[in-house]
Amino acid sequence: MVDGATSEFSEALQAIAAGDLTHRVDTAYRGRFADLKGAINAAVDRLSSTVKTIQLTSADVGLAAREINMGADDLSKRTEDQASSLEETAATTEELAASVKATAQASRQAA
């Protein structure tokens, strides 16, 4: 019984160490071996749950990063458009100022 239990527990722990979070101790035990079986299976369940949570959180972070990137790209485009519009407004204002100046000079000469 002891050899069989220690072999099964060792096998379970080796599987967990190798990344297999599906491996469980299935044999029915009594006493301290039952406690150890429960602890091993509970640890695997908790590790598996933690890994799933990390995977979901990682996916959420990736999605948020893509959304932030899209927002930054959109902001950059709008900033470029605004700068272009501002340049056009400045050019139009300069043309208007030159036209007003020319009109003022023509008015002085006509007077």
PDB file of N, CA and C in Angstrom:
ATOM      1  N   MET A   1       0.823  -1.195   0.000  1.00  0.00           N
ATOM      2  CA  MET A   1       0.000   0.000   0.000  1.00  0.00           C
ATOM      3  C   MET A   1       0.866   1.258   0.000  1.00  0.00           C
ATOM      4  N   VAL A   2       1.900   1.295   0.850  1.00  0.00           N
ATOM      5  CA  VAL A   2       2.762   2.467   0.947  1.00  0.00           C
ATOM      6  C   VAL A   2       3.514   2.681  -0.359  1.00  0.00           C
ATOM      7  N   ASP A   3       4.095   1.633  -0.920  1.00  0.00           N
ATOM      8  CA  ASP A   3       4.830   1.768  -2.179  1.00  0.00           C
ATOM      9  C   ASP A   3       3.914   2.231  -3.305  1.00  0.00           C
ATOM     10  N   GLY A   4       2.726   1.660  -3.363  1.00  0.00           N
ATOM     11  CA  GLY A   4       1.770   2.055  -4.404  1.00  0.00           C
ATOM     12  C   GLY A   4       1.365   3.509  -4.263  1.00  0.00           C
ATOM     13  N   ALA A   5       1.125   3.945  -3.039  1.00  0.00           N
ATOM     14  CA  ALA A   5       0.723   5.332  -2.794  1.00  0.00           C
ATOM     15  C   ALA A   5       1.852   6.290  -3.139  1.00  0.00           C
ATOM     16  N   THR A   6       3.053   5.987  -2.652  1.00  0.00           N
ATOM     17  CA  THR A   6       4.168   6.897  -2.934  1.00  0.00           C
ATOM     18  C   THR A   6       4.481   6.942  -4.419  1.00  0.00           C
ATOM     19  N   SER A   7       4.333   5.823  -5.099  1.00  0.00           N
ATOM     20  CA  SER A   7       4.554   5.807  -6.549  1.00  0.00           C
ATOM     21  C   SER A   7       3.512   6.671  -7.256  1.00  0.00           C
ATOM     22  N   GLU A   8       2.253   6.527  -6.855  1.00  0.00           N
ATOM     23  CA  GLU A   8       1.195   7.318  -7.503  1.00  0.00           C
ATOM     24  C   GLU A   8       1.360   8.806  -7.195  1.00  0.00           C
ATOM     25  N   PHE A   9       1.710   9.133  -5.960  1.00  0.00           N
ATOM     26  CA  PHE A   9       1.910  10.540  -5.598  1.00  0.00           C
ATOM     27  C   PHE A   9       3.106  11.121  -6.349  1.00  0.00           C
ATOM     28  N   SER A  10       4.172  10.342  -6.438  1.00  0.00           N
ATOM     29  CA  SER A  10       5.358  10.775  -7.166  1.00  0.00           C
ATOM     30  C   SER A  10       5.037  11.004  -8.636  1.00  0.00           C
ATOM     31  N   GLU A  11       4.290  10.076  -9.212  1.00  0.00           N
ATOM     32  CA  GLU A  11       3.880  10.191 -10.615  1.00  0.00           C
ATOM     33  C   GLU A  11       3.044  11.457 -10.827  1.00  0.00           C
ATOM     34  N   ALA A  12       2.132  11.717  -9.907  1.00  0.00           N
ATOM     35  CA  ALA A  12       1.283  12.910 -10.008  1.00  0.00           C
ATOM     36  C   ALA A  12       2.125  14.176  -9.920  1.00  0.00           C
ATOM     37  N   LEU A  13       3.044  14.224  -8.980  1.00  0.00           N
ATOM     38  CA  LEU A  13       3.885  15.408  -8.814  1.00  0.00           C
ATOM     39  C   LEU A  13       4.816  15.617 -10.007  1.00  0.00           C
ATOM     40  N   GLN A  14       5.322  14.533 -10.584  1.00  0.00           N
ATOM     41  CA  GLN A  14       6.163  14.653 -11.778  1.00  0.00           C
ATOM     42  C   GLN A  14       5.347  15.199 -12.948  1.00  0.00           C
ATOM     43  N   ALA A  15       4.117  14.740 -13.079  1.00  0.00           N
ATOM     44  CA  ALA A  15       3.250  15.239 -14.155  1.00  0.00           C
ATOM     45  C   ALA A  15       2.980  16.727 -13.965  1.00  0.00           C
ATOM     46  N   ILE A  16       2.709  17.127 -12.743  1.00  0.00           N
ATOM     47  CA  ILE A  16       2.467  18.545 -12.441  1.00  0.00           C
ATOM     48  C   ILE A  16       3.715  19.363 -12.751  1.00  0.00           C
ATOM     49  N   ALA A  17       4.875  18.869 -12.335  1.00  0.00           N
ATOM     50  CA  ALA A  17       6.136  19.568 -12.596  1.00  0.00           C
ATOM     51  C   ALA A  17       6.389  19.717 -14.091  1.00  0.00           C
ATOM     52  N   ALA A  18       5.899  18.763 -14.877  1.00  0.00           N
ATOM     53  CA  ALA A  18       6.066  18.820 -16.335  1.00  0.00           C
ATOM     54  C   ALA A  18       5.006  19.703 -16.995  1.00  0.00           C
ATOM     55  N   GLY A  19       4.084  20.240 -16.185  1.00  0.00           N
ATOM     56  CA  GLY A  19       3.079  21.148 -16.740  1.00  0.00           C
ATOM     57  C   GLY A  19       1.727  20.519 -17.001  1.00  0.00           C
ATOM     58  N   ASP A  20       1.561  19.255 -16.660  1.00  0.00           N
ATOM     59  CA  ASP A  20       0.276  18.575 -16.859  1.00  0.00           C
ATOM     60  C   ASP A  20      -0.623  18.868 -15.662  1.00  0.00           C
ATOM     61  N   LEU A  21      -1.536  19.817 -15.836  1.00  0.00           N
ATOM     62  CA  LEU A  21      -2.431  20.185 -14.748  1.00  0.00           C
ATOM     63  C   LEU A  21      -3.761  19.439 -14.828  1.00  0.00           C
ATOM     64  N   THR A  22      -3.778  18.355 -15.597  1.00  0.00           N
ATOM     65  CA  THR A  22      -4.978  17.519 -15.670  1.00  0.00           C
ATOM     66  C   THR A  22      -4.798  16.236 -14.872  1.00  0.00           C
ATOM     67  N   HIS A  23      -3.573  15.946 -14.477  1.00  0.00           N
ATOM     68  CA  HIS A  23      -3.279  14.696 -13.772  1.00  0.00           C
ATOM     69  C   HIS A  23      -3.845  14.740 -12.352  1.00  0.00           C
ATOM     70  N   ARG A  24      -4.510  13.676 -11.965  1.00  0.00           N
ATOM     71  CA  ARG A  24      -5.100  13.568 -10.631  1.00  0.00           C
ATOM     72  C   ARG A  24      -4.706  12.233  -9.998  1.00  0.00           C
ATOM     73  N   VAL A  25      -4.708  12.217  -8.688  1.00  0.00           N
ATOM     74  CA  VAL A  25      -4.535  10.967  -7.946  1.00  0.00           C
ATOM     75  C   VAL A  25      -5.943  10.407  -7.779  1.00  0.00           C
ATOM     76  N   ASP A  26      -6.191   9.230  -8.385  1.00  0.00           N
ATOM     77  CA  ASP A  26      -7.548   8.675  -8.413  1.00  0.00           C
ATOM     78  C   ASP A  26      -7.795   7.540  -7.418  1.00  0.00           C
ATOM     79  N   THR A  27      -6.769   6.892  -6.981  1.00  0.00           N
ATOM     80  CA  THR A  27      -6.935   5.738  -6.093  1.00  0.00           C
ATOM     81  C   THR A  27      -7.531   6.177  -4.750  1.00  0.00           C
ATOM     82  N   ALA A  28      -8.434   5.367  -4.222  1.00  0.00           N
ATOM     83  CA  ALA A  28      -9.033   5.657  -2.912  1.00  0.00           C
ATOM     84  C   ALA A  28      -8.045   5.267  -1.814  1.00  0.00           C
ATOM     85  N   TYR A  29      -7.762   6.201  -0.928  1.00  0.00           N
ATOM     86  CA  TYR A  29      -6.860   5.955   0.197  1.00  0.00           C
ATOM     87  C   TYR A  29      -7.585   6.308   1.491  1.00  0.00           C
ATOM     88  N   ARG A  30      -6.992   5.857   2.604  1.00  0.00           N
ATOM     89  CA  ARG A  30      -7.530   6.195   3.920  1.00  0.00           C
ATOM     90  C   ARG A  30      -6.444   6.872   4.743  1.00  0.00           C
ATOM     91  N   GLY A  31      -6.893   7.626   5.726  1.00  0.00           N
ATOM     92  CA  GLY A  31      -5.952   8.245   6.654  1.00  0.00           C
ATOM     93  C   GLY A  31      -5.110   9.337   6.016  1.00  0.00           C
ATOM     94  N   ARG A  32      -3.824   9.316   6.381  1.00  0.00           N
ATOM     95  CA  ARG A  32      -2.915  10.368   5.897  1.00  0.00           C
ATOM     96  C   ARG A  32      -2.727  10.327   4.382  1.00  0.00           C
ATOM     97  N   PHE A  33      -2.811   9.140   3.801  1.00  0.00           N
ATOM     98  CA  PHE A  33      -2.698   9.047   2.343  1.00  0.00           C
ATOM     99  C   PHE A  33      -3.897   9.718   1.673  1.00  0.00           C
ATOM    100  N   ALA A  34      -5.069   9.592   2.272  1.00  0.00           N
ATOM    101  CA  ALA A  34      -6.256  10.272   1.734  1.00  0.00           C
ATOM    102  C   ALA A  34      -6.077  11.783   1.840  1.00  0.00           C
ATOM    103  N   ASP A  35      -5.491  12.240   2.962  1.00  0.00           N
ATOM    104  CA  ASP A  35      -5.223  13.674   3.131  1.00  0.00           C
ATOM    105  C   ASP A  35      -4.232  14.169   2.077  1.00  0.00           C
ATOM    106  N   LEU A  36      -3.177  13.392   1.859  1.00  0.00           N
ATOM    107  CA  LEU A  36      -2.166  13.760   0.869  1.00  0.00           C
ATOM    108  C   LEU A  36      -2.760  13.777  -0.535  1.00  0.00           C
ATOM    109  N   LYS A  37      -3.580  12.770  -0.841  1.00  0.00           N
ATOM    110  CA  LYS A  37      -4.261  12.727  -2.140  1.00  0.00           C
ATOM    111  C   LYS A  37      -5.106  13.989  -2.323  1.00  0.00           C
ATOM    112  N   GLY A  38      -5.876  14.335  -1.303  1.00  0.00           N
ATOM    113  CA  GLY A  38      -6.720  15.533  -1.373  1.00  0.00           C
ATOM    114  C   GLY A  38      -5.902  16.799  -1.564  1.00  0.00           C
ATOM    115  N   ALA A  39      -4.775  16.888  -0.870  1.00  0.00           N
ATOM    116  CA  ALA A  39      -3.917  18.070  -0.982  1.00  0.00           C
ATOM    117  C   ALA A  39      -3.313  18.187  -2.376  1.00  0.00           C
ATOM    118  N   ILE A  40      -2.860  17.065  -2.921  1.00  0.00           N
ATOM    119  CA  ILE A  40      -2.281  17.082  -4.277  1.00  0.00           C
ATOM    120  C   ILE A  40      -3.340  17.494  -5.289  1.00  0.00           C
ATOM    121  N   ASN A  41      -4.509  16.879  -5.224  1.00  0.00           N
ATOM    122  CA  ASN A  41      -5.570  17.199  -6.180  1.00  0.00           C
ATOM    123  C   ASN A  41      -6.051  18.643  -6.026  1.00  0.00           C
ATOM    124  N   ALA A  42      -6.131  19.131  -4.782  1.00  0.00           N
ATOM    125  CA  ALA A  42      -6.541  20.522  -4.549  1.00  0.00           C
ATOM    126  C   ALA A  42      -5.497  21.488  -5.106  1.00  0.00           C
ATOM    127  N   ALA A  43      -4.220  21.157  -4.924  1.00  0.00           N
ATOM    128  CA  ALA A  43      -3.150  22.009  -5.453  1.00  0.00           C
ATOM    129  C   ALA A  43      -3.208  22.070  -6.975  1.00  0.00           C
ATOM    130  N   VAL A  44      -3.446  20.930  -7.610  1.00  0.00           N
ATOM    131  CA  VAL A  44      -3.543  20.897  -9.072  1.00  0.00           C
ATOM    132  C   VAL A  44      -4.749  21.713  -9.531  1.00  0.00           C
ATOM    133  N   ASP A  45      -5.877  21.563  -8.841  1.00  0.00           N
ATOM    134  CA  ASP A  45      -7.069  22.337  -9.197  1.00  0.00           C
ATOM    135  C   ASP A  45      -6.801  23.834  -9.080  1.00  0.00           C
ATOM    136  N   ARG A  46      -6.132  24.230  -8.003  1.00  0.00           N
ATOM    137  CA  ARG A  46      -5.838  25.652  -7.780  1.00  0.00           C
ATOM    138  C   ARG A  46      -4.851  26.176  -8.823  1.00  0.00           C
ATOM    139  N   LEU A  47      -3.834  25.401  -9.121  1.00  0.00           N
ATOM    140  CA  LEU A  47      -2.877  25.806 -10.160  1.00  0.00           C
ATOM    141  C   LEU A  47      -3.569  25.945 -11.511  1.00  0.00           C
ATOM    142  N   SER A  48      -4.419  24.987 -11.825  1.00  0.00           N
ATOM    143  CA  SER A  48      -5.146  25.023 -13.090  1.00  0.00           C
ATOM    144  C   SER A  48      -6.036  26.256 -13.165  1.00  0.00           C
ATOM    145  N   SER A  49      -6.719  26.552 -12.088  1.00  0.00           N
ATOM    146  CA  SER A  49      -7.580  27.732 -12.027  1.00  0.00           C
ATOM    147  C   SER A  49      -6.763  29.016 -12.180  1.00  0.00           C
ATOM    148  N   THR A  50      -5.609  29.060 -11.529  1.00  0.00           N
ATOM    149  CA  THR A  50      -4.739  30.233 -11.623  1.00  0.00           C
ATOM    150  C   THR A  50      -4.235  30.428 -13.046  1.00  0.00           C
ATOM    151  N   VAL A  51      -3.836  29.356 -13.697  1.00  0.00           N
ATOM    152  CA  VAL A  51      -3.358  29.442 -15.081  1.00  0.00           C
ATOM    153  C   VAL A  51      -4.481  29.938 -15.997  1.00  0.00           C
ATOM    154  N   LYS A  52      -5.689  29.430 -15.812  1.00  0.00           N
ATOM    155  CA  LYS A  52      -6.823  29.881 -16.626  1.00  0.00           C
ATOM    156  C   LYS A  52      -7.091  31.366 -16.404  1.00  0.00           C
ATOM    157  N   THR A  53      -7.019  31.805 -15.149  1.00  0.00           N
ATOM    158  CA  THR A  53      -7.213  33.224 -14.845  1.00  0.00           C
ATOM    159  C   THR A  53      -6.144  34.070 -15.522  1.00  0.00           C
ATOM    160  N   ILE A  54      -4.912  33.613 -15.478  1.00  0.00           N
ATOM    161  CA  ILE A  54      -3.816  34.337 -16.132  1.00  0.00           C
ATOM    162  C   ILE A  54      -4.050  34.403 -17.636  1.00  0.00           C
ATOM    163  N   GLN A  55      -4.492  33.310 -18.237  1.00  0.00           N
ATOM    164  CA  GLN A  55      -4.761  33.300 -19.674  1.00  0.00           C
ATOM    165  C   GLN A  55      -5.858  34.294 -20.031  1.00  0.00           C
ATOM    166  N   LEU A  56      -6.934  34.300 -19.257  1.00  0.00           N
ATOM    167  CA  LEU A  56      -8.033  35.232 -19.521  1.00  0.00           C
ATOM    168  C   LEU A  56      -7.588  36.677 -19.329  1.00  0.00           C
ATOM    169  N   THR A  57      -6.848  36.929 -18.261  1.00  0.00           N
ATOM    170  CA  THR A  57      -6.361  38.278 -17.999  1.00  0.00           C
ATOM    171  C   THR A  57      -5.405  38.723 -19.092  1.00  0.00           C
ATOM    172  N   SER A  58      -4.562  37.821 -19.533  1.00  0.00           N
ATOM    173  CA  SER A  58      -3.624  38.124 -20.611  1.00  0.00           C
ATOM    174  C   SER A  58      -4.369  38.487 -21.892  1.00  0.00           C
ATOM    175  N   ALA A  59      -5.417  37.750 -22.191  1.00  0.00           N
ATOM    176  CA  ALA A  59      -6.222  38.055 -23.379  1.00  0.00           C
ATOM    177  C   ALA A  59      -6.884  39.420 -23.232  1.00  0.00           C
ATOM    178  N   ASP A  60      -7.386  39.730 -22.033  1.00  0.00           N
ATOM    179  CA  ASP A  60      -8.004  41.038 -21.791  1.00  0.00           C
ATOM    180  C   ASP A  60      -6.988  42.164 -21.947  1.00  0.00           C
ATOM    181  N   VAL A  61      -5.787  41.953 -21.426  1.00  0.00           N
ATOM    182  CA  VAL A  61      -4.733  42.962 -21.544  1.00  0.00           C
ATOM    183  C   VAL A  61      -4.359  43.162 -23.011  1.00  0.00           C
ATOM    184  N   GLY A  62      -4.272  42.069 -23.761  1.00  0.00           N
ATOM    185  CA  GLY A  62      -3.964  42.170 -25.190  1.00  0.00           C
ATOM    186  C   GLY A  62      -5.029  42.957 -25.932  1.00  0.00           C
ATOM    187  N   LEU A  63      -6.293  42.692 -25.622  1.00  0.00           N
ATOM    188  CA  LEU A  63      -7.395  43.419 -26.252  1.00  0.00           C
ATOM    189  C   LEU A  63      -7.336  44.892 -25.883  1.00  0.00           C
ATOM    190  N   ALA A  64      -7.106  45.188 -24.616  1.00  0.00           N
ATOM    191  CA  ALA A  64      -7.014  46.580 -24.175  1.00  0.00           C
ATOM    192  C   ALA A  64      -5.848  47.289 -24.860  1.00  0.00           C
ATOM    193  N   ALA A  65      -4.733  46.609 -25.011  1.00  0.00           N
ATOM    194  CA  ALA A  65      -3.571  47.205 -25.683  1.00  0.00           C
ATOM    195  C   ALA A  65      -3.889  47.518 -27.139  1.00  0.00           C
ATOM    196  N   ARG A  66      -4.605  46.599 -27.808  1.00  0.00           N
ATOM    197  CA  ARG A  66      -4.991  46.859 -29.202  1.00  0.00           C
ATOM    198  C   ARG A  66      -5.944  48.049 -29.291  1.00  0.00           C
ATOM    199  N   GLU A  67      -6.880  48.142 -28.347  1.00  0.00           N
ATOM    200  CA  GLU A  67      -7.815  49.266 -28.338  1.00  0.00           C
ATOM    201  C   GLU A  67      -7.086  50.580 -28.080  1.00  0.00           C
ATOM    202  N   ILE A  68      -6.131  50.570 -27.159  1.00  0.00           N
ATOM    203  CA  ILE A  68      -5.337  51.771 -26.886  1.00  0.00           C
ATOM    204  C   ILE A  68      -4.544  52.164 -28.123  1.00  0.00           C
ATOM    205  N   ASN A  69      -3.963  51.182 -28.800  1.00  0.00           N
ATOM    206  CA  ASN A  69      -3.196  51.451 -30.012  1.00  0.00           C
ATOM    207  C   ASN A  69      -4.086  52.061 -31.093  1.00  0.00           C
ATOM    208  N   MET A  70      -5.292  51.508 -31.243  1.00  0.00           N
ATOM    209  CA  MET A  70      -6.221  52.054 -32.236  1.00  0.00           C
ATOM    210  C   MET A  70      -6.608  53.485 -31.871  1.00  0.00           C
ATOM    211  N   GLY A  71      -6.835  53.741 -30.581  1.00  0.00           N
ATOM    212  CA  GLY A  71      -7.164  55.091 -30.127  1.00  0.00           C
ATOM    213  C   GLY A  71      -6.021  56.057 -30.380  1.00  0.00           C
ATOM    214  N   ALA A  72      -4.799  55.605 -30.134  1.00  0.00           N
ATOM    215  CA  ALA A  72      -3.627  56.449 -30.375  1.00  0.00           C
ATOM    216  C   ALA A  72      -3.472  56.745 -31.864  1.00  0.00           C
ATOM    217  N   ASP A  73      -3.702  55.732 -32.703  1.00  0.00           N
ATOM    218  CA  ASP A  73      -3.636  55.947 -34.150  1.00  0.00           C
ATOM    219  C   ASP A  73      -4.694  56.946 -34.598  1.00  0.00           C
ATOM    220  N   ASP A  74      -5.905  56.810 -34.051  1.00  0.00           N
ATOM    221  CA  ASP A  74      -6.993  57.721 -34.394  1.00  0.00           C
ATOM    222  C   ASP A  74      -6.661  59.143 -33.942  1.00  0.00           C
ATOM    223  N   LEU A  75      -6.131  59.266 -32.728  1.00  0.00           N
ATOM    224  CA  LEU A  75      -5.747  60.581 -32.220  1.00  0.00           C
ATOM    225  C   LEU A  75      -4.652  61.197 -33.084  1.00  0.00           C
ATOM    226  N   SER A  76      -3.700  60.385 -33.493  1.00  0.00           N
ATOM    227  CA  SER A  76      -2.623  60.863 -34.351  1.00  0.00           C
ATOM    228  C   SER A  76      -3.173  61.376 -35.678  1.00  0.00           C
ATOM    229  N   LYS A  77      -4.099  60.621 -36.267  1.00  0.00           N
ATOM    230  CA  LYS A  77      -4.709  61.030 -37.547  1.00  0.00           C
ATOM    231  C   LYS A  77      -5.470  62.332 -37.371  1.00  0.00           C
ATOM    232  N   ARG A  78      -6.266  62.422 -36.299  1.00  0.00           N
ATOM    233  CA  ARG A  78      -7.036  63.649 -36.078  1.00  0.00           C
ATOM    234  C   ARG A  78      -6.113  64.839 -35.815  1.00  0.00           C
ATOM    235  N   THR A  79      -5.007  64.600 -35.117  1.00  0.00           N
ATOM    236  CA  THR A  79      -4.046  65.671 -34.860  1.00  0.00           C
ATOM    237  C   THR A  79      -3.416  66.145 -36.166  1.00  0.00           C
ATOM    238  N   GLU A  80      -3.065  65.201 -37.034  1.00  0.00           N
ATOM    239  CA  GLU A  80      -2.514  65.563 -38.342  1.00  0.00           C
ATOM    240  C   GLU A  80      -3.536  66.349 -39.156  1.00  0.00           C
ATOM    241  N   ASP A  81      -4.787  65.891 -39.150  1.00  0.00           N
ATOM    242  CA  ASP A  81      -5.847  66.600 -39.876  1.00  0.00           C
ATOM    243  C   ASP A  81      -6.025  68.010 -39.324  1.00  0.00           C
ATOM    244  N   GLN A  82      -5.997  68.140 -38.004  1.00  0.00           N
ATOM    245  CA  GLN A  82      -6.163  69.444 -37.360  1.00  0.00           C
ATOM    246  C   GLN A  82      -4.994  70.358 -37.724  1.00  0.00           C
ATOM    247  N   ALA A  83      -3.782  69.817 -37.732  1.00  0.00           N
ATOM    248  CA  ALA A  83      -2.606  70.615 -38.096  1.00  0.00           C
ATOM    249  C   ALA A  83      -2.705  71.083 -39.538  1.00  0.00           C
ATOM    250  N   SER A  84      -3.150  70.201 -40.414  1.00  0.00           N
ATOM    251  CA  SER A  84      -3.322  70.563 -41.821  1.00  0.00           C
ATOM    252  C   SER A  84      -4.372  71.659 -41.963  1.00  0.00           C
ATOM    253  N   SER A  85      -5.473  71.506 -41.256  1.00  0.00           N
ATOM    254  CA  SER A  85      -6.538  72.507 -41.296  1.00  0.00           C
ATOM    255  C   SER A  85      -6.041  73.841 -40.754  1.00  0.00           C
ATOM    256  N   LEU A  86      -5.241  73.794 -39.699  1.00  0.00           N
ATOM    257  CA  LEU A  86      -4.682  75.007 -39.115  1.00  0.00           C
ATOM    258  C   LEU A  86      -3.732  75.694 -40.094  1.00  0.00           C
ATOM    259  N   GLU A  87      -2.941  74.915 -40.818  1.00  0.00           N
ATOM    260  CA  GLU A  87      -2.050  75.486 -41.832  1.00  0.00           C
ATOM    261  C   GLU A  87      -2.856  76.173 -42.929  1.00  0.00           C
ATOM    262  N   GLU A  88      -3.937  75.533 -43.359  1.00  0.00           N
ATOM    263  CA  GLU A  88      -4.797  76.135 -44.380  1.00  0.00           C
ATOM    264  C   GLU A  88      -5.421  77.427 -43.864  1.00  0.00           C
ATOM    265  N   THR A  89      -5.857  77.423 -42.614  1.00  0.00           N
ATOM    266  CA  THR A  89      -6.448  78.623 -42.013  1.00  0.00           C
ATOM    267  C   THR A  89      -5.406  79.733 -41.928  1.00  0.00           C
ATOM    268  N   ALA A  90      -4.195  79.397 -41.542  1.00  0.00           N
ATOM    269  CA  ALA A  90      -3.124  80.391 -41.451  1.00  0.00           C
ATOM    270  C   ALA A  90      -2.820  80.975 -42.826  1.00  0.00           C
ATOM    271  N   ALA A  91      -2.776  80.122 -43.848  1.00  0.00           N
ATOM    272  CA  ALA A  91      -2.510  80.609 -45.206  1.00  0.00           C
ATOM    273  C   ALA A  91      -3.640  81.521 -45.674  1.00  0.00           C
ATOM    274  N   THR A  92      -4.874  81.137 -45.402  1.00  0.00           N
ATOM    275  CA  THR A  92      -6.022  81.959 -45.788  1.00  0.00           C
ATOM    276  C   THR A  92      -5.996  83.286 -45.042  1.00  0.00           C
ATOM    277  N   THR A  93      -5.623  83.265 -43.766  1.00  0.00           N
ATOM    278  CA  THR A  93      -5.534  84.495 -42.973  1.00  0.00           C
ATOM    279  C   THR A  93      -4.456  85.412 -43.537  1.00  0.00           C
ATOM    280  N   GLU A  94      -3.328  84.845 -43.935  1.00  0.00           N
ATOM    281  CA  GLU A  94      -2.266  85.652 -44.541  1.00  0.00           C
ATOM    282  C   GLU A  94      -2.741  86.283 -45.846  1.00  0.00           C
ATOM    283  N   GLU A  95      -3.447  85.496 -46.655  1.00  0.00           N
ATOM    284  CA  GLU A  95      -3.981  86.030 -47.912  1.00  0.00           C
ATOM    285  C   GLU A  95      -4.982  87.143 -47.638  1.00  0.00           C
ATOM    286  N   LEU A  96      -5.834  86.945 -46.644  1.00  0.00           N
ATOM    287  CA  LEU A  96      -6.823  87.955 -46.288  1.00  0.00           C
ATOM    288  C   LEU A  96      -6.138  89.214 -45.781  1.00  0.00           C
ATOM    289  N   ALA A  97      -5.105  89.063 -44.964  1.00  0.00           N
ATOM    290  CA  ALA A  97      -4.362  90.216 -44.450  1.00  0.00           C
ATOM    291  C   ALA A  97      -3.699  90.971 -45.592  1.00  0.00           C
ATOM    292  N   ALA A  98      -3.126  90.242 -46.538  1.00  0.00           N
ATOM    293  CA  ALA A  98      -2.497  90.897 -47.692  1.00  0.00           C
ATOM    294  C   ALA A  98      -3.544  91.628 -48.515  1.00  0.00           C
ATOM    295  N   SER A  99      -4.710  91.024 -48.676  1.00  0.00           N
ATOM    296  CA  SER A  99      -5.788  91.654 -49.437  1.00  0.00           C
ATOM    297  C   SER A  99      -6.280  92.917 -48.735  1.00  0.00           C
ATOM    298  N   VAL A 100      -6.426  92.872 -47.413  1.00  0.00           N
ATOM    299  CA  VAL A 100      -6.861  94.049 -46.644  1.00  0.00           C
ATOM    300  C   VAL A 100      -5.817  95.145 -46.755  1.00  0.00           C
ATOM    301  N   LYS A 101      -4.556  94.770 -46.680  1.00  0.00           N
ATOM    302  CA  LYS A 101      -3.473  95.751 -46.783  1.00  0.00           C
ATOM    303  C   LYS A 101      -3.484  96.408 -48.158  1.00  0.00           C
ATOM    304  N   ALA A 102      -3.665  95.582 -49.196  1.00  0.00           N
ATOM    305  CA  ALA A 102      -3.702  96.130 -50.557  1.00  0.00           C
ATOM    306  C   ALA A 102      -4.909  97.044 -50.728  1.00  0.00           C
ATOM    307  N   THR A 103      -6.039  96.667 -50.166  1.00  0.00           N
ATOM    308  CA  THR A 103      -7.243  97.496 -50.264  1.00  0.00           C
ATOM    309  C   THR A 103      -7.039  98.803 -49.522  1.00  0.00           C
ATOM    310  N   ALA A 104      -6.393  98.747 -48.370  1.00  0.00           N
ATOM    311  CA  ALA A 104      -6.129  99.964 -47.598  1.00  0.00           C
ATOM    312  C   ALA A 104      -5.201 100.891 -48.363  1.00  0.00           C
ATOM    313  N   GLN A 105      -4.181 100.333 -49.006  1.00  0.00           N
ATOM    314  CA  GLN A 105      -3.256 101.160 -49.787  1.00  0.00           C
ATOM    315  C   GLN A 105      -3.974 101.785 -50.979  1.00  0.00           C
ATOM    316  N   ALA A 106      -4.807 100.990 -51.622  1.00  0.00           N
ATOM    317  CA  ALA A 106      -5.553 101.515 -52.772  1.00  0.00           C
ATOM    318  C   ALA A 106      -6.503 102.612 -52.327  1.00  0.00           C
ATOM    319  N   SER A 107      -7.096 102.454 -51.148  1.00  0.00           N
ATOM    320  CA  SER A 107      -8.019 103.478 -50.634  1.00  0.00           C
ATOM    321  C   SER A 107      -7.261 104.760 -50.325  1.00  0.00           C
ATOM    322  N   ARG A 108      -6.058 104.660 -49.788  1.00  0.00           N
ATOM    323  CA  ARG A 108      -5.262 105.851 -49.483  1.00  0.00           C
ATOM    324  C   ARG A 108      -4.834 106.564 -50.751  1.00  0.00           C
ATOM    325  N   GLN A 109      -4.499 105.762 -51.748  1.00  0.00           N
ATOM    326  CA  GLN A 109      -4.058 106.373 -52.998  1.00  0.00           C
ATOM    327  C   GLN A 109      -5.230 107.040 -53.712  1.00  0.00           C
ATOM    328  N   ALA A 110      -6.402 106.460 -53.575  1.00  0.00           N
ATOM    329  CA  ALA A 110      -7.582 107.027 -54.225  1.00  0.00           C
ATOM    330  C   ALA A 110      -8.036 108.287 -53.494  1.00  0.00           C
ATOM    331  N   ALA A 111      -7.738 108.431 -52.248  1.00  0.00           N
ATOM    332  CA  ALA A 111      -8.212 109.577 -51.475  1.00  0.00           C
ATOM    333  C   ALA A 111      -7.403 110.804 -51.696  1.00  0.00           C
TER     334      ALA A 111
END
